[in-house]
C-alpha atoms as a PDB file:
ATOM      1  CA  UNK A   1     198.745 130.648  70.246  1.00  0.00           C
ATOM      2  CA  UNK A   2     198.703 129.680  73.922  1.00  0.00           C
ATOM      3  CA  UNK A   3     197.269 126.278  74.817  1.00  0.00           C
ATOM      4  CA  UNK A   4     193.873 126.411  76.527  1.00  0.00           C
ATOM      5  CA  UNK A   5     193.764 125.541  80.192  1.00  0.00           C
ATOM      6  CA  UNK A   6     191.412 125.751  83.154  1.00  0.00           C
ATOM      7  CA  UNK A   7     187.818 126.820  82.596  1.00  0.00           C
ATOM      8  CA  UNK A   8     188.527 127.690  78.960  1.00  0.00           C
ATOM      9  CA  UNK A   9     189.775 124.169  78.154  1.00  0.00           C
ATOM     10  CA  UNK A  10     187.010 122.578  80.229  1.00  0.00           C
ATOM     11  CA  UNK A  11     184.325 124.518  78.371  1.00  0.00           C
ATOM     12  CA  UNK A  12     185.880 123.777  74.979  1.00  0.00           C
ATOM     13  CA  UNK A  13     185.958 120.050  75.730  1.00  0.00           C
ATOM     14  CA  UNK A  14     182.372 120.053  77.044  1.00  0.00           C
ATOM     15  CA  UNK A  15     181.180 121.907  73.917  1.00  0.00           C
ATOM     16  CA  UNK A  16     183.006 119.453  71.661  1.00  0.00           C
ATOM     17  CA  UNK A  17     181.468 116.486  73.453  1.00  0.00           C
ATOM     18  CA  UNK A  18     177.965 118.019  73.272  1.00  0.00           C
ATOM     19  CA  UNK A  19     178.458 118.585  69.547  1.00  0.00           C
ATOM     20  CA  UNK A  20     179.702 115.001  69.068  1.00  0.00           C
ATOM     21  CA  UNK A  21     176.705 113.711  71.020  1.00  0.00           C
ATOM     22  CA  UNK A  22     174.301 115.598  68.762  1.00  0.00           C
ATOM     23  CA  UNK A  23     176.129 114.617  65.556  1.00  0.00           C
ATOM     24  CA  UNK A  24     176.134 110.938  66.527  1.00  0.00           C
ATOM     25  CA  UNK A  25     172.540 110.919  67.777  1.00  0.00           C
ATOM     26  CA  UNK A  26     173.549 109.600  71.192  1.00  0.00           C
ATOM     27  CA  UNK A  27     171.552 110.227  74.349  1.00  0.00           C
ATOM     28  CA  UNK A  28     172.264 112.373  77.375  1.00  0.00           C
ATOM     29  CA  UNK A  29     172.862 109.285  79.542  1.00  0.00           C
ATOM     30  CA  UNK A  30     175.843 108.444  77.303  1.00  0.00           C
ATOM     31  CA  UNK A  31     177.125 112.017  77.607  1.00  0.00           C
ATOM     32  CA  UNK A  32     176.970 111.937  81.422  1.00  0.00           C
ATOM     33  CA  UNK A  33     178.758 108.586  81.548  1.00  0.00           C
ATOM     34  CA  UNK A  34     181.419 109.857  79.141  1.00  0.00           C
ATOM     35  CA  UNK A  35     182.216 113.120  80.947  1.00  0.00           C
ATOM     36  CA  UNK A  36     182.098 111.377  84.333  1.00  0.00           C
ATOM     37  CA  UNK A  37     184.641 108.833  83.148  1.00  0.00           C
ATOM     38  CA  UNK A  38     186.950 111.370  81.478  1.00  0.00           C
ATOM     39  CA  UNK A  39     186.790 114.212  84.031  1.00  0.00           C
ATOM     40  CA  UNK A  40     185.964 112.492  87.366  1.00  0.00           C
ATOM     41  CA  UNK A  41     187.147 108.875  86.861  1.00  0.00           C
ATOM     42  CA  UNK A  42     183.655 107.506  87.555  1.00  0.00           C
ATOM     43  CA  UNK A  43     183.486 104.247  85.644  1.00  0.00           C
ATOM     44  CA  UNK A  44     180.196 102.514  86.308  1.00  0.00           C
ATOM     45  CA  UNK A  45     181.368  99.314  84.641  1.00  0.00           C
ATOM     46  CA  UNK A  46     183.770  98.914  87.597  1.00  0.00           C
ATOM     47  CA  UNK A  47     181.102  99.238  90.299  1.00  0.00           C
ATOM     48  CA  UNK A  48     181.093  95.439  90.660  1.00  0.00           C
ATOM     49  CA  UNK A  49     184.698  95.758  91.863  1.00  0.00           C
ATOM     50  CA  UNK A  50     184.144  98.133  94.781  1.00  0.00           C
ATOM     51  CA  UNK A  51     187.803  98.476  95.802  1.00  0.00           C
ATOM     52  CA  UNK A  52     188.862  99.484  92.272  1.00  0.00           C
ATOM     53  CA  UNK A  53     185.810 101.704  91.829  1.00  0.00           C
ATOM     54  CA  UNK A  54     186.509 103.638  95.056  1.00  0.00           C
ATOM     55  CA  UNK A  55     190.236 103.910  94.240  1.00  0.00           C
ATOM     56  CA  UNK A  56     189.313 105.452  90.900  1.00  0.00           C
ATOM     57  CA  UNK A  57     186.938 107.942  92.531  1.00  0.00           C
ATOM     58  CA  UNK A  58     189.769 109.123  94.761  1.00  0.00           C
ATOM     59  CA  UNK A  59     192.343 109.066  91.956  1.00  0.00           C
ATOM     60  CA  UNK A  60     193.346 111.280  89.070  1.00  0.00           C
ATOM     61  CA  UNK A  61     190.966 111.278  86.097  1.00  0.00           C
ATOM     62  CA  UNK A  62     192.196 110.881  82.514  1.00  0.00           C
ATOM     63  CA  UNK A  63     191.564 114.583  81.723  1.00  0.00           C
ATOM     64  CA  UNK A  64     192.592 117.426  84.016  1.00  0.00           C
ATOM     65  CA  UNK A  65     192.116 121.111  83.331  1.00  0.00           C
ATOM     66  CA  UNK A  66     193.723 123.033  86.184  1.00  0.00           C
ATOM     67  CA  UNK A  67     192.282 126.008  88.051  1.00  0.00           C
ATOM     68  CA  UNK A  68     192.784 128.955  85.689  1.00  0.00           C
ATOM     69  CA  UNK A  69     189.580 130.946  85.253  1.00  0.00           C
ATOM     70  CA  UNK A  70     187.452 128.988  87.717  1.00  0.00           C
ATOM     71  CA  UNK A  71     185.695 130.992  90.412  1.00  0.00           C
ATOM     72  CA  UNK A  72     188.199 131.179  93.270  1.00  0.00           C
ATOM     73  CA  UNK A  73     185.572 130.292  95.882  1.00  0.00           C
ATOM     74  CA  UNK A  74     185.088 126.907  94.141  1.00  0.00           C
ATOM     75  CA  UNK A  75     188.743 125.885  94.036  1.00  0.00           C
ATOM     76  CA  UNK A  76     190.509 123.912  96.757  1.00  0.00           C
ATOM     77  CA  UNK A  77     192.786 121.709  94.679  1.00  0.00           C
ATOM     78  CA  UNK A  78     194.401 121.567  91.258  1.00  0.00           C
ATOM     79  CA  UNK A  79     191.364 120.180  89.378  1.00  0.00           C
ATOM     80  CA  UNK A  80     187.969 121.680  90.323  1.00  0.00           C
ATOM     81  CA  UNK A  81     186.385 120.232  87.148  1.00  0.00           C
ATOM     82  CA  UNK A  82     186.784 116.757  88.667  1.00  0.00           C
ATOM     83  CA  UNK A  83     184.748 117.516  91.774  1.00  0.00           C
ATOM     84  CA  UNK A  84     182.149 119.480  89.842  1.00  0.00           C
ATOM     85  CA  UNK A  85     181.673 116.713  87.254  1.00  0.00           C
ATOM     86  CA  UNK A  86     181.348 114.040  89.935  1.00  0.00           C
ATOM     87  CA  UNK A  87     178.390 115.912  91.360  1.00  0.00           C
ATOM     88  CA  UNK A  88     176.880 116.629  87.951  1.00  0.00           C
ATOM     89  CA  UNK A  89     176.880 112.832  87.664  1.00  0.00           C
ATOM     90  CA  UNK A  90     175.252 112.393  91.096  1.00  0.00           C
ATOM     91  CA  UNK A  91     172.693 115.142  90.432  1.00  0.00           C
ATOM     92  CA  UNK A  92     171.832 113.670  87.055  1.00  0.00           C
ATOM     93  CA  UNK A  93     171.119 110.172  88.359  1.00  0.00           C
ATOM     94  CA  UNK A  94     169.681 110.897  91.821  1.00  0.00           C
ATOM     95  CA  UNK A  95     166.888 113.169  93.009  1.00  0.00           C
ATOM     96  CA  UNK A  96     168.169 115.984  95.236  1.00  0.00           C
ATOM     97  CA  UNK A  97     166.723 114.364  98.358  1.00  0.00           C
ATOM     98  CA  UNK A  98     169.292 111.553  97.845  1.00  0.00           C
ATOM     99  CA  UNK A  99     172.010 113.524  96.035  1.00  0.00           C
ATOM    100  CA  UNK A 100     172.571 116.043  98.839  1.00  0.00           C
ATOM    101  CA  UNK A 101     173.339 113.346 101.447  1.00  0.00           C
ATOM    102  CA  UNK A 102     175.788 111.767  98.959  1.00  0.00           C
ATOM    103  CA  UNK A 103     177.595 115.124  98.658  1.00  0.00           C
ATOM    104  CA  UNK A 104     177.839 115.515 102.422  1.00  0.00           C
ATOM    105  CA  UNK A 105     178.875 111.881 102.975  1.00  0.00           C
ATOM    106  CA  UNK A 106     181.629 112.243 100.368  1.00  0.00           C
ATOM    107  CA  UNK A 107     182.905 115.416 102.018  1.00  0.00           C
ATOM    108  CA  UNK A 108     182.786 113.878 105.501  1.00  0.00           C
ATOM    109  CA  UNK A 109     184.766 110.883 104.237  1.00  0.00           C
ATOM    110  CA  UNK A 110     187.252 113.290 102.664  1.00  0.00           C
ATOM    111  CA  UNK A 111     187.539 115.133 105.977  1.00  0.00           C
ATOM    112  CA  UNK A 112     188.458 111.860 107.651  1.00  0.00           C
ATOM    113  CA  UNK A 113     190.722 110.711 104.818  1.00  0.00           C
ATOM    114  CA  UNK A 114     192.642 113.982 104.579  1.00  0.00           C
ATOM    115  CA  UNK A 115     193.255 114.401 108.285  1.00  0.00           C
ATOM    116  CA  UNK A 116     190.663 116.971 109.217  1.00  0.00           C
ATOM    117  CA  UNK A 117     190.787 119.195 106.130  1.00  0.00           C
ATOM    118  CA  UNK A 118     187.288 120.559 105.489  1.00  0.00           C
ATOM    119  CA  UNK A 119     186.579 122.157 102.128  1.00  0.00           C
ATOM    120  CA  UNK A 120     183.750 124.642 101.914  1.00  0.00           C
ATOM    121  CA  UNK A 121     184.809 125.204  98.285  1.00  0.00           C
ATOM    122  CA  UNK A 122     184.046 121.542  97.529  1.00  0.00           C
ATOM    123  CA  UNK A 123     180.621 121.865  99.152  1.00  0.00           C
ATOM    124  CA  UNK A 124     179.809 124.947  97.038  1.00  0.00           C
ATOM    125  CA  UNK A 125     181.173 123.283  93.898  1.00  0.00           C
ATOM    126  CA  UNK A 126     179.235 120.093  94.700  1.00  0.00           C
ATOM    127  CA  UNK A 127     175.924 121.912  95.150  1.00  0.00           C
ATOM    128  CA  UNK A 128     176.412 123.631  91.798  1.00  0.00           C
ATOM    129  CA  UNK A 129     177.200 120.269  90.200  1.00  0.00           C
ATOM    130  CA  UNK A 130     174.068 118.705  91.713  1.00  0.00           C
ATOM    131  CA  UNK A 131     171.861 121.520  90.375  1.00  0.00           C
ATOM    132  CA  UNK A 132     173.477 121.322  86.955  1.00  0.00           C
ATOM    133  CA  UNK A 133     173.017 117.541  86.866  1.00  0.00           C
ATOM    134  CA  UNK A 134     169.296 117.972  87.539  1.00  0.00           C
ATOM    135  CA  UNK A 135     169.047 120.623  84.819  1.00  0.00           C
ATOM    136  CA  UNK A 136     170.857 118.415  82.303  1.00  0.00           C
ATOM    137  CA  UNK A 137     168.446 115.602  83.194  1.00  0.00           C
ATOM    138  CA  UNK A 138     165.487 117.906  82.447  1.00  0.00           C
ATOM    139  CA  UNK A 139     166.809 119.836  79.433  1.00  0.00           C
ATOM    140  CA  UNK A 140     169.595 117.739  77.880  1.00  0.00           C
ATOM    141  CA  UNK A 141     173.359 118.030  77.550  1.00  0.00           C
ATOM    142  CA  UNK A 142     173.282 121.133  75.333  1.00  0.00           C
ATOM    143  CA  UNK A 143     172.468 123.306  78.363  1.00  0.00           C
ATOM    144  CA  UNK A 144     175.647 122.379  80.277  1.00  0.00           C
ATOM    145  CA  UNK A 145     178.093 124.833  78.644  1.00  0.00           C
ATOM    146  CA  UNK A 146     175.782 127.759  79.483  1.00  0.00           C
ATOM    147  CA  UNK A 147     175.469 126.586  83.082  1.00  0.00           C
ATOM    148  CA  UNK A 148     179.243 126.252  83.427  1.00  0.00           C
ATOM    149  CA  UNK A 149     179.810 129.722  81.994  1.00  0.00           C
ATOM    150  CA  UNK A 150     177.201 131.209  84.304  1.00  0.00           C
ATOM    151  CA  UNK A 151     178.174 129.476  87.553  1.00  0.00           C
ATOM    152  CA  UNK A 152     181.817 128.326  87.373  1.00  0.00           C
ATOM    153  CA  UNK A 153     183.585 130.877  85.202  1.00  0.00           C
ATOM    154  CA  UNK A 154     185.465 133.358  87.352  1.00  0.00           C
ATOM    155  CA  UNK A 155     186.960 135.337  84.480  1.00  0.00           C
ATOM    156  CA  UNK A 156     183.977 137.712  84.174  1.00  0.00           C
ATOM    157  CA  UNK A 157     183.531 138.268  87.914  1.00  0.00           C
END
């Protein structure tokens, strides 16, 4: 059997983590922190060390899934799950009135950092992540796999 990759592996891992969360009786805050650490390298315990924290945000996360099966209009690098998850995190913790400027500031900084490369795919992916983060905040982690299938999965399109 072929090893899962891309959207298929991402969804399988999300579903496993949601199931673990429910089995262990943990809260949605724990789930968001866990997926943000594993998929986007957001480690809140390092926020007191800003240089390390920012290096992590720009670095490679522990888990990478690749691009297979993701909607093509959301892909601009080799790991769209990373960008998406970062903005699920932002959307979960911040109201949209604050989360949207964070998305744009991050993309503007990326534009500067990467020598003028603008990514409309990252903006689209980020907006989806923000909306999903708000929905997870309202309805819990169990809704996330359905949202990913509906909005990120390019296999059925």
